[in-house]
Protein backbone atom coordinates (compact mmCIF):
# COMPACT_ATOMS: atom_id res chain seq x y z
CA MET A 1 131.10 40.91 -78.00
CA VAL A 2 131.07 43.73 -75.06
CA VAL A 3 133.10 46.33 -74.81
CA VAL A 4 134.09 47.14 -71.26
CA MET A 5 135.09 50.92 -70.79
CA LYS A 6 137.71 52.30 -68.37
CA SER A 7 135.76 54.24 -65.12
CA GLY A 8 136.75 57.78 -65.99
CA ALA A 9 136.72 57.50 -69.88
CA SER A 10 135.45 60.85 -71.64
CA ASP A 11 132.77 61.09 -74.27
CA GLN A 12 134.82 61.54 -77.31
CA GLN A 13 136.51 58.24 -76.52
CA VAL A 14 133.46 56.40 -76.07
CA GLN A 15 131.97 58.08 -79.14
CA ALA A 16 135.21 56.29 -80.88
CA VAL A 17 134.41 53.13 -79.70
CA ILE A 18 130.89 53.35 -81.31
CA ASP A 19 131.97 54.85 -84.41
CA ARG A 20 134.51 51.62 -84.74
CA ILE A 21 132.23 49.34 -83.93
CA ARG A 22 129.60 50.64 -86.98
CA ASP A 23 132.27 50.92 -89.15
CA CYS A 24 132.09 47.06 -88.62
CA GLY A 25 128.98 46.89 -90.00
CA MET A 26 127.58 46.46 -85.93
CA GLU A 27 125.42 48.49 -84.27
CA ALA A 28 126.18 49.44 -80.17
CA HIS A 29 124.18 49.84 -77.64
CA VAL A 30 125.47 51.82 -74.77
CA SER A 31 124.56 51.15 -71.34
CA LYS A 32 125.82 53.79 -68.96
CA GLY A 33 126.62 52.47 -64.85
CA THR A 34 127.59 54.56 -62.35
CA GLU A 35 131.14 53.81 -62.51
CA ARG A 36 131.67 52.41 -66.08
CA THR A 37 130.29 52.12 -69.52
CA ILE A 38 129.36 49.27 -71.67
CA ILE A 39 128.90 48.90 -75.55
CA GLY A 40 126.87 46.01 -76.23
CA LEU A 41 127.19 44.69 -80.24
CA VAL A 42 124.69 43.47 -82.13
CA GLY A 43 125.18 41.76 -85.42
CA ASP A 44 127.78 39.19 -86.04
CA GLU A 45 130.42 39.79 -83.19
CA ARG A 46 133.07 37.30 -85.77
CA GLN A 47 133.00 39.78 -88.03
CA VAL A 48 135.17 42.32 -85.76
CA ASP A 49 138.46 42.21 -84.85
CA PHE A 50 138.59 42.16 -81.04
CA ASP A 51 142.00 43.21 -80.60
CA SER A 52 141.46 46.73 -83.05
CA ILE A 53 138.60 47.72 -80.74
CA ALA A 54 140.57 46.99 -77.29
CA ALA A 55 143.28 49.00 -78.51
CA LEU A 56 141.10 51.80 -78.57
CA ALA A 57 141.88 54.17 -75.85
CA GLY A 58 139.60 54.67 -72.87
CA VAL A 59 138.43 50.99 -73.22
CA GLU A 60 139.61 48.49 -70.62
CA GLN A 61 138.60 45.23 -71.81
CA ALA A 62 136.80 43.59 -75.17
CA MET A 63 134.92 40.10 -74.90
CA PRO A 64 133.62 38.09 -77.61
CA ILE A 65 130.37 36.74 -75.89
CA LEU A 66 128.43 34.01 -78.30
CA ARG A 67 125.83 33.56 -75.83
CA PRO A 68 122.11 35.29 -76.37
CA TYR A 69 122.71 37.24 -73.61
CA LYS A 70 125.66 40.03 -72.66
CA TYR A 71 124.98 42.36 -70.53
CA VAL A 72 123.90 40.38 -67.56
CA SER A 73 127.11 37.55 -68.37
CA ARG A 74 129.40 37.30 -65.31
CA ASN A 75 131.18 37.80 -68.27
CA VAL A 76 130.89 41.33 -67.95
CA HIS A 77 129.61 42.06 -64.34
CA PRO A 78 132.04 38.74 -61.93
CA GLU A 79 129.98 40.04 -59.32
CA THR A 80 126.35 39.69 -58.32
CA VAL A 81 124.45 42.41 -58.42
CA THR A 82 122.97 43.65 -54.88
CA ILE A 83 119.40 45.40 -55.10
CA GLN A 84 118.06 46.70 -52.41
CA VAL A 85 114.54 46.90 -51.82
CA GLY A 86 113.16 49.25 -48.86
CA ASP A 87 115.68 47.71 -46.29
CA VAL A 88 116.52 44.65 -47.69
CA SER A 89 119.63 44.11 -50.06
CA VAL A 90 118.37 41.28 -52.46
CA GLY A 91 121.45 39.34 -53.53
CA LYS A 92 123.27 39.72 -50.34
CA GLU A 93 120.64 38.47 -47.43
CA LEU A 94 118.05 35.75 -47.39
CA VAL A 95 114.84 37.81 -48.56
CA PHE A 96 111.03 36.42 -48.35
CA MET A 97 108.75 37.87 -50.26
CA ALA A 98 105.34 37.07 -48.99
CA GLY A 99 101.18 37.19 -49.68
CA PRO A 100 98.16 36.16 -51.09
CA CYS A 101 98.16 34.83 -54.96
CA SER A 102 95.46 37.93 -55.09
CA VAL A 103 94.61 41.50 -53.32
CA GLU A 104 91.24 40.26 -51.41
CA ASP A 105 89.52 43.30 -49.83
CA GLU A 106 91.19 45.32 -47.48
CA ASP A 107 90.75 44.07 -43.96
CA THR A 108 91.56 40.59 -45.15
CA THR A 109 95.05 41.76 -46.73
CA LEU A 110 96.18 44.04 -44.21
CA ARG A 111 95.15 40.80 -41.97
CA ILE A 112 97.33 38.57 -44.16
CA ALA A 113 99.63 40.84 -44.34
CA GLU A 114 100.57 41.65 -40.82
CA ALA A 115 100.85 38.20 -40.23
CA ILE A 116 103.53 37.23 -42.45
CA ARG A 117 105.61 40.60 -41.19
CA LYS A 118 105.21 38.51 -37.68
CA ALA A 119 106.34 35.58 -39.52
CA GLY A 120 109.67 37.03 -40.59
CA ALA A 121 108.63 38.16 -44.40
CA GLN A 122 110.59 41.16 -45.48
CA VAL A 123 107.97 42.24 -49.06
CA PHE A 124 104.61 41.43 -49.10
CA ARG A 125 103.83 39.73 -52.46
CA GLY A 126 99.53 40.39 -53.90
CA GLY A 127 98.74 40.34 -57.03
CA ALA A 128 96.29 43.57 -58.38
CA TYR A 129 96.10 42.35 -62.31
CA LYS A 130 95.87 39.02 -62.45
CA PRO A 131 96.61 36.95 -65.91
CA ARG A 132 94.48 33.86 -66.00
CA THR A 133 94.67 31.19 -68.16
CA SER A 134 90.48 30.67 -67.99
CA PRO A 135 88.44 34.29 -69.02
CA TRP A 136 86.49 33.43 -66.98
CA SER A 137 88.32 33.21 -63.64
CA PHE A 138 89.18 36.37 -61.32
CA GLN A 139 91.07 38.55 -63.06
CA GLY A 140 92.10 40.48 -59.89
CA LEU A 141 90.77 44.24 -58.21
CA ARG A 142 92.94 46.15 -60.26
CA GLU A 143 93.74 49.75 -59.45
CA GLU A 144 91.70 49.50 -56.18
CA GLY A 145 93.93 46.64 -55.51
CA LEU A 146 96.51 48.66 -56.20
CA ARG A 147 95.71 51.34 -53.42
CA ILE A 148 95.03 48.64 -50.58
CA LEU A 149 98.68 47.31 -51.77
CA SER A 150 99.49 51.09 -50.24
CA LYS A 151 97.77 50.55 -48.08
CA VAL A 152 99.86 47.47 -46.45
CA ARG A 153 103.02 49.52 -47.32
CA ASP A 154 101.97 52.17 -45.16
CA GLU A 155 100.64 50.35 -42.44
CA THR A 156 103.12 47.47 -41.93
CA GLY A 157 106.61 49.23 -43.59
CA MET A 158 107.41 46.21 -46.13
CA PRO A 159 107.81 47.20 -49.92
CA ILE A 160 105.40 45.50 -52.45
CA VAL A 161 106.13 43.33 -55.22
CA THR A 162 103.32 43.09 -57.23
CA GLU A 163 102.71 41.94 -61.11
CA ILE A 164 102.72 44.12 -64.27
CA MET A 165 100.81 42.71 -67.76
CA ASP A 166 100.76 45.59 -70.17
CA ALA A 167 103.62 48.53 -70.55
CA ALA A 168 100.69 50.73 -70.89
CA ASP A 169 100.53 50.33 -67.01
CA ILE A 170 104.10 51.01 -65.96
CA GLN A 171 102.92 54.74 -64.24
CA ILE A 172 100.12 53.85 -62.00
CA VAL A 173 101.53 50.26 -61.00
CA GLY A 174 104.83 52.53 -60.18
CA GLU A 175 102.93 54.54 -57.74
CA HIS A 176 101.81 51.64 -55.43
CA ALA A 177 104.26 48.88 -56.31
CA ASP A 178 108.56 49.17 -55.42
CA VAL A 179 109.26 46.33 -57.19
CA TYR A 180 107.68 45.54 -60.39
CA GLN A 181 106.81 41.62 -61.20
CA VAL A 182 107.32 40.22 -64.95
CA GLY A 183 105.14 36.56 -64.73
CA MET A 184 105.81 33.55 -66.84
CA ARG A 185 103.11 34.47 -69.65
CA ASN A 186 105.20 37.96 -70.35
CA MET A 187 108.76 36.72 -69.88
CA ARG A 188 108.37 36.89 -74.02
CA ASN A 189 107.04 40.28 -74.00
CA TYR A 190 109.71 42.51 -75.18
CA THR A 191 108.17 46.08 -75.52
CA LEU A 192 107.23 45.44 -71.32
CA LEU A 193 110.91 44.59 -70.84
CA ASN A 194 112.30 47.89 -72.86
CA GLU A 195 109.89 50.11 -70.88
CA LEU A 196 111.02 48.07 -67.54
CA GLY A 197 114.94 48.54 -68.23
CA ASN A 198 113.87 52.66 -68.49
CA THR A 199 112.35 52.91 -65.21
CA SER A 200 114.45 53.02 -62.09
CA LYS A 201 112.40 50.55 -59.62
CA PRO A 202 113.61 46.59 -59.47
CA VAL A 203 112.29 44.24 -61.69
CA LEU A 204 111.36 40.76 -60.95
CA LEU A 205 111.49 38.29 -63.77
CA LYS A 206 109.96 35.09 -63.78
CA ARG A 207 111.08 32.10 -65.54
CA GLY A 208 108.41 31.45 -68.56
CA ASP A 209 107.12 28.32 -68.32
CA SER A 210 108.94 26.80 -71.66
CA ALA A 211 111.86 28.68 -71.56
CA THR A 212 115.28 27.66 -71.51
CA LEU A 213 118.00 28.77 -69.37
CA GLU A 214 119.56 30.66 -72.27
CA GLU A 215 115.66 32.81 -73.72
CA TRP A 216 115.39 33.54 -69.75
CA LEU A 217 118.69 35.19 -69.09
CA ALA A 218 118.04 37.31 -72.83
CA ALA A 219 115.35 38.48 -71.40
CA ALA A 220 116.74 40.16 -68.32
CA ASP A 221 119.06 41.58 -70.90
CA TYR A 222 116.23 43.42 -72.52
CA ILE A 223 115.56 45.15 -69.07
CA PHE A 224 119.44 45.72 -67.83
CA ARG A 225 121.10 46.73 -71.41
CA ASN A 226 118.48 49.78 -70.71
CA GLY A 227 120.17 50.88 -67.68
CA ASN A 228 117.84 49.51 -65.10
CA HIS A 229 119.99 47.52 -63.50
CA GLY A 230 117.80 45.88 -60.48
CA VAL A 231 116.72 42.75 -61.89
CA ILE A 232 115.69 39.71 -59.98
CA LEU A 233 115.82 36.60 -61.54
CA CYS A 234 112.51 33.82 -60.17
CA GLU A 235 112.49 30.13 -60.81
CA ARG A 236 109.14 29.02 -61.03
CA GLY A 237 108.84 25.87 -62.35
CA ILE A 238 108.23 25.05 -66.08
CA ARG A 239 106.20 22.34 -68.07
CA THR A 240 107.25 18.65 -68.25
CA PHE A 241 105.47 15.65 -68.95
CA GLU A 242 104.62 15.46 -64.48
CA ASN A 243 101.12 15.80 -63.87
CA TYR A 244 101.04 14.64 -59.96
CA THR A 245 102.55 18.97 -59.38
CA ARG A 246 100.86 22.25 -61.06
CA ASN A 247 104.87 22.72 -62.55
CA THR A 248 108.26 21.05 -61.72
CA LEU A 249 110.26 23.43 -60.02
CA ASP A 250 113.99 23.08 -61.83
CA LEU A 251 116.25 23.31 -58.77
CA SER A 252 118.89 23.01 -61.17
CA ALA A 253 118.13 26.77 -62.89
CA ILE A 254 118.94 27.94 -59.57
CA PRO A 255 123.11 27.28 -59.82
CA ALA A 256 123.33 27.67 -63.13
CA ALA A 257 121.77 30.98 -63.73
CA ARG A 258 123.65 32.00 -60.72
CA SER A 259 126.89 30.79 -62.31
CA GLU A 260 125.99 32.41 -66.19
CA ALA A 261 124.30 35.87 -64.88
CA CYS A 262 125.26 38.42 -61.97
CA LEU A 263 121.41 38.81 -60.99
CA PRO A 264 119.74 37.48 -57.79
CA VAL A 265 118.10 34.00 -57.97
CA LEU A 266 114.97 33.55 -56.62
CA ALA A 267 112.79 30.62 -56.07
CA ASP A 268 109.01 30.28 -56.28
CA PRO A 269 107.50 26.87 -54.74
CA SER A 270 103.76 27.90 -54.44
CA HIS A 271 103.69 27.92 -57.95
CA GLY A 272 106.21 25.74 -58.59
CA THR A 273 104.60 22.66 -57.15
CA GLY A 274 101.25 24.08 -56.84
CA ARG A 275 100.52 22.05 -53.17
CA ALA A 276 101.40 23.67 -50.28
CA ASP A 277 102.58 20.68 -48.77
CA LEU A 278 105.16 20.46 -50.99
CA VAL A 279 105.89 24.56 -50.50
CA GLU A 280 108.16 23.46 -46.96
CA PRO A 281 110.30 20.95 -48.68
CA MET A 282 111.31 22.81 -51.68
CA SER A 283 111.30 25.97 -50.14
CA LYS A 284 114.62 23.94 -47.99
CA ALA A 285 115.95 22.16 -51.29
CA ALA A 286 115.65 25.84 -53.15
CA VAL A 287 117.67 27.90 -50.76
CA ALA A 288 119.87 24.91 -50.46
CA ALA A 289 120.49 24.93 -54.38
CA GLY A 290 121.59 28.63 -53.66
CA ALA A 291 118.31 30.56 -54.12
CA ASP A 292 118.71 34.10 -52.75
CA GLY A 293 115.92 33.89 -51.91
CA LEU A 294 112.20 32.71 -51.98
CA MET A 295 108.72 33.71 -53.29
CA LEU A 296 105.15 32.32 -51.14
CA GLU A 297 101.84 32.76 -51.59
CA VAL A 298 100.47 32.77 -48.31
CA HIS A 299 97.09 32.96 -46.37
CA THR A 300 95.87 33.45 -42.97
CA GLU A 301 92.70 31.18 -43.94
CA PRO A 302 93.99 29.82 -47.87
CA GLN A 303 90.76 27.73 -47.77
CA ARG A 304 89.13 30.90 -48.49
CA ALA A 305 91.79 32.33 -50.95
CA TRP A 306 90.39 34.10 -53.61
CA SER A 307 93.36 32.29 -55.81
CA ASP A 308 95.44 29.39 -55.66
CA GLY A 309 94.56 28.27 -52.27
CA ARG A 310 95.78 25.04 -53.24
CA GLN A 311 99.33 25.58 -53.01
CA THR A 312 98.82 28.85 -50.41
CA VAL A 313 100.58 27.83 -47.13
CA THR A 314 100.02 30.20 -43.49
CA PRO A 315 101.53 32.33 -41.57
CA GLU A 316 102.77 29.87 -39.11
CA ALA A 317 103.73 27.07 -42.09
CA LEU A 318 105.77 30.56 -43.36
CA ARG A 319 107.26 31.14 -40.25
CA ASN A 320 108.75 27.40 -40.01
CA ILE A 321 109.86 27.58 -43.66
CA ILE A 322 111.94 30.77 -42.70
CA ASP A 323 113.77 29.46 -39.50
CA ALA A 324 114.37 26.11 -41.49
CA CYS A 325 115.64 27.90 -44.66
CA ARG A 326 117.88 30.82 -42.70
CA ARG A 327 119.54 28.18 -41.05
CA ILE A 328 120.86 26.13 -44.37
CA ARG A 329 121.88 29.58 -45.56
CA ASP A 330 124.09 29.92 -41.86
CA ILE A 331 125.47 26.44 -42.53
CA GLN A 332 126.32 27.14 -46.12
CA ALA A 333 128.19 30.36 -44.98
């Protein structure tokens, strides 16, 4: 159950609702927004008399929600959240986040960044910390990679999105990044998600490779309920029996997530397919399915990329993708 307080509800009215919830044997989780306070009930909501809570002073609406996600549900937030990343309004305009899988040396990274900026991308993505399946694979430049990312922002003006793997790194990554990226391996790292909920920077939450839609949105709730409403979902492919592609990009998850949750949804066709030749058609398909933007792996010389070169496209290919996707969005408008 979620209780939405009226705009201007007093602290005393909010506390009265919390007290009533606790009298019912449940816990109350309070999220204060700029205009309204939302109170989530934790426990078996079937034991609660909704009408009695809805009748309390200051309550605008009391809604039963049996789904495992409450705060990001469109039942609570009917309108899509718009998230500001630099000059880009994610959720309002079509956004393209692009860059190499791994941050490389400074000169190469700056050259790639300038090329993707000219191709039309608005946000630079690059991994400084790289979680890899094999312990022998390149793990990223770490702090040196973060410094290079800051240099990219200074030189190009593009905001930065980069992956965070541990709650202990929130401060240092936040000093260099404009958006925290939670990769598929950490979608279920609830300690990390909770801590990111206490920050003020947007969080790009990738879907786990075996996560259901409900599990993905429930993970977003961990961030949202702690007060950080700048959550961006990213469909990056799921694990199926198919081995022609690296993963199976679940296009149906895009309109489904947009229907269920108030959050903007991006697609990552690079990881979703693992093949550079499939990135453009799946980018078009994702935008046609309603994606609010794309995250793409781009390198000036994919064959020399330090990681994931097989799924990386060139800046020229990126330009074609952006032009085609914007035409698709114009048709939808």
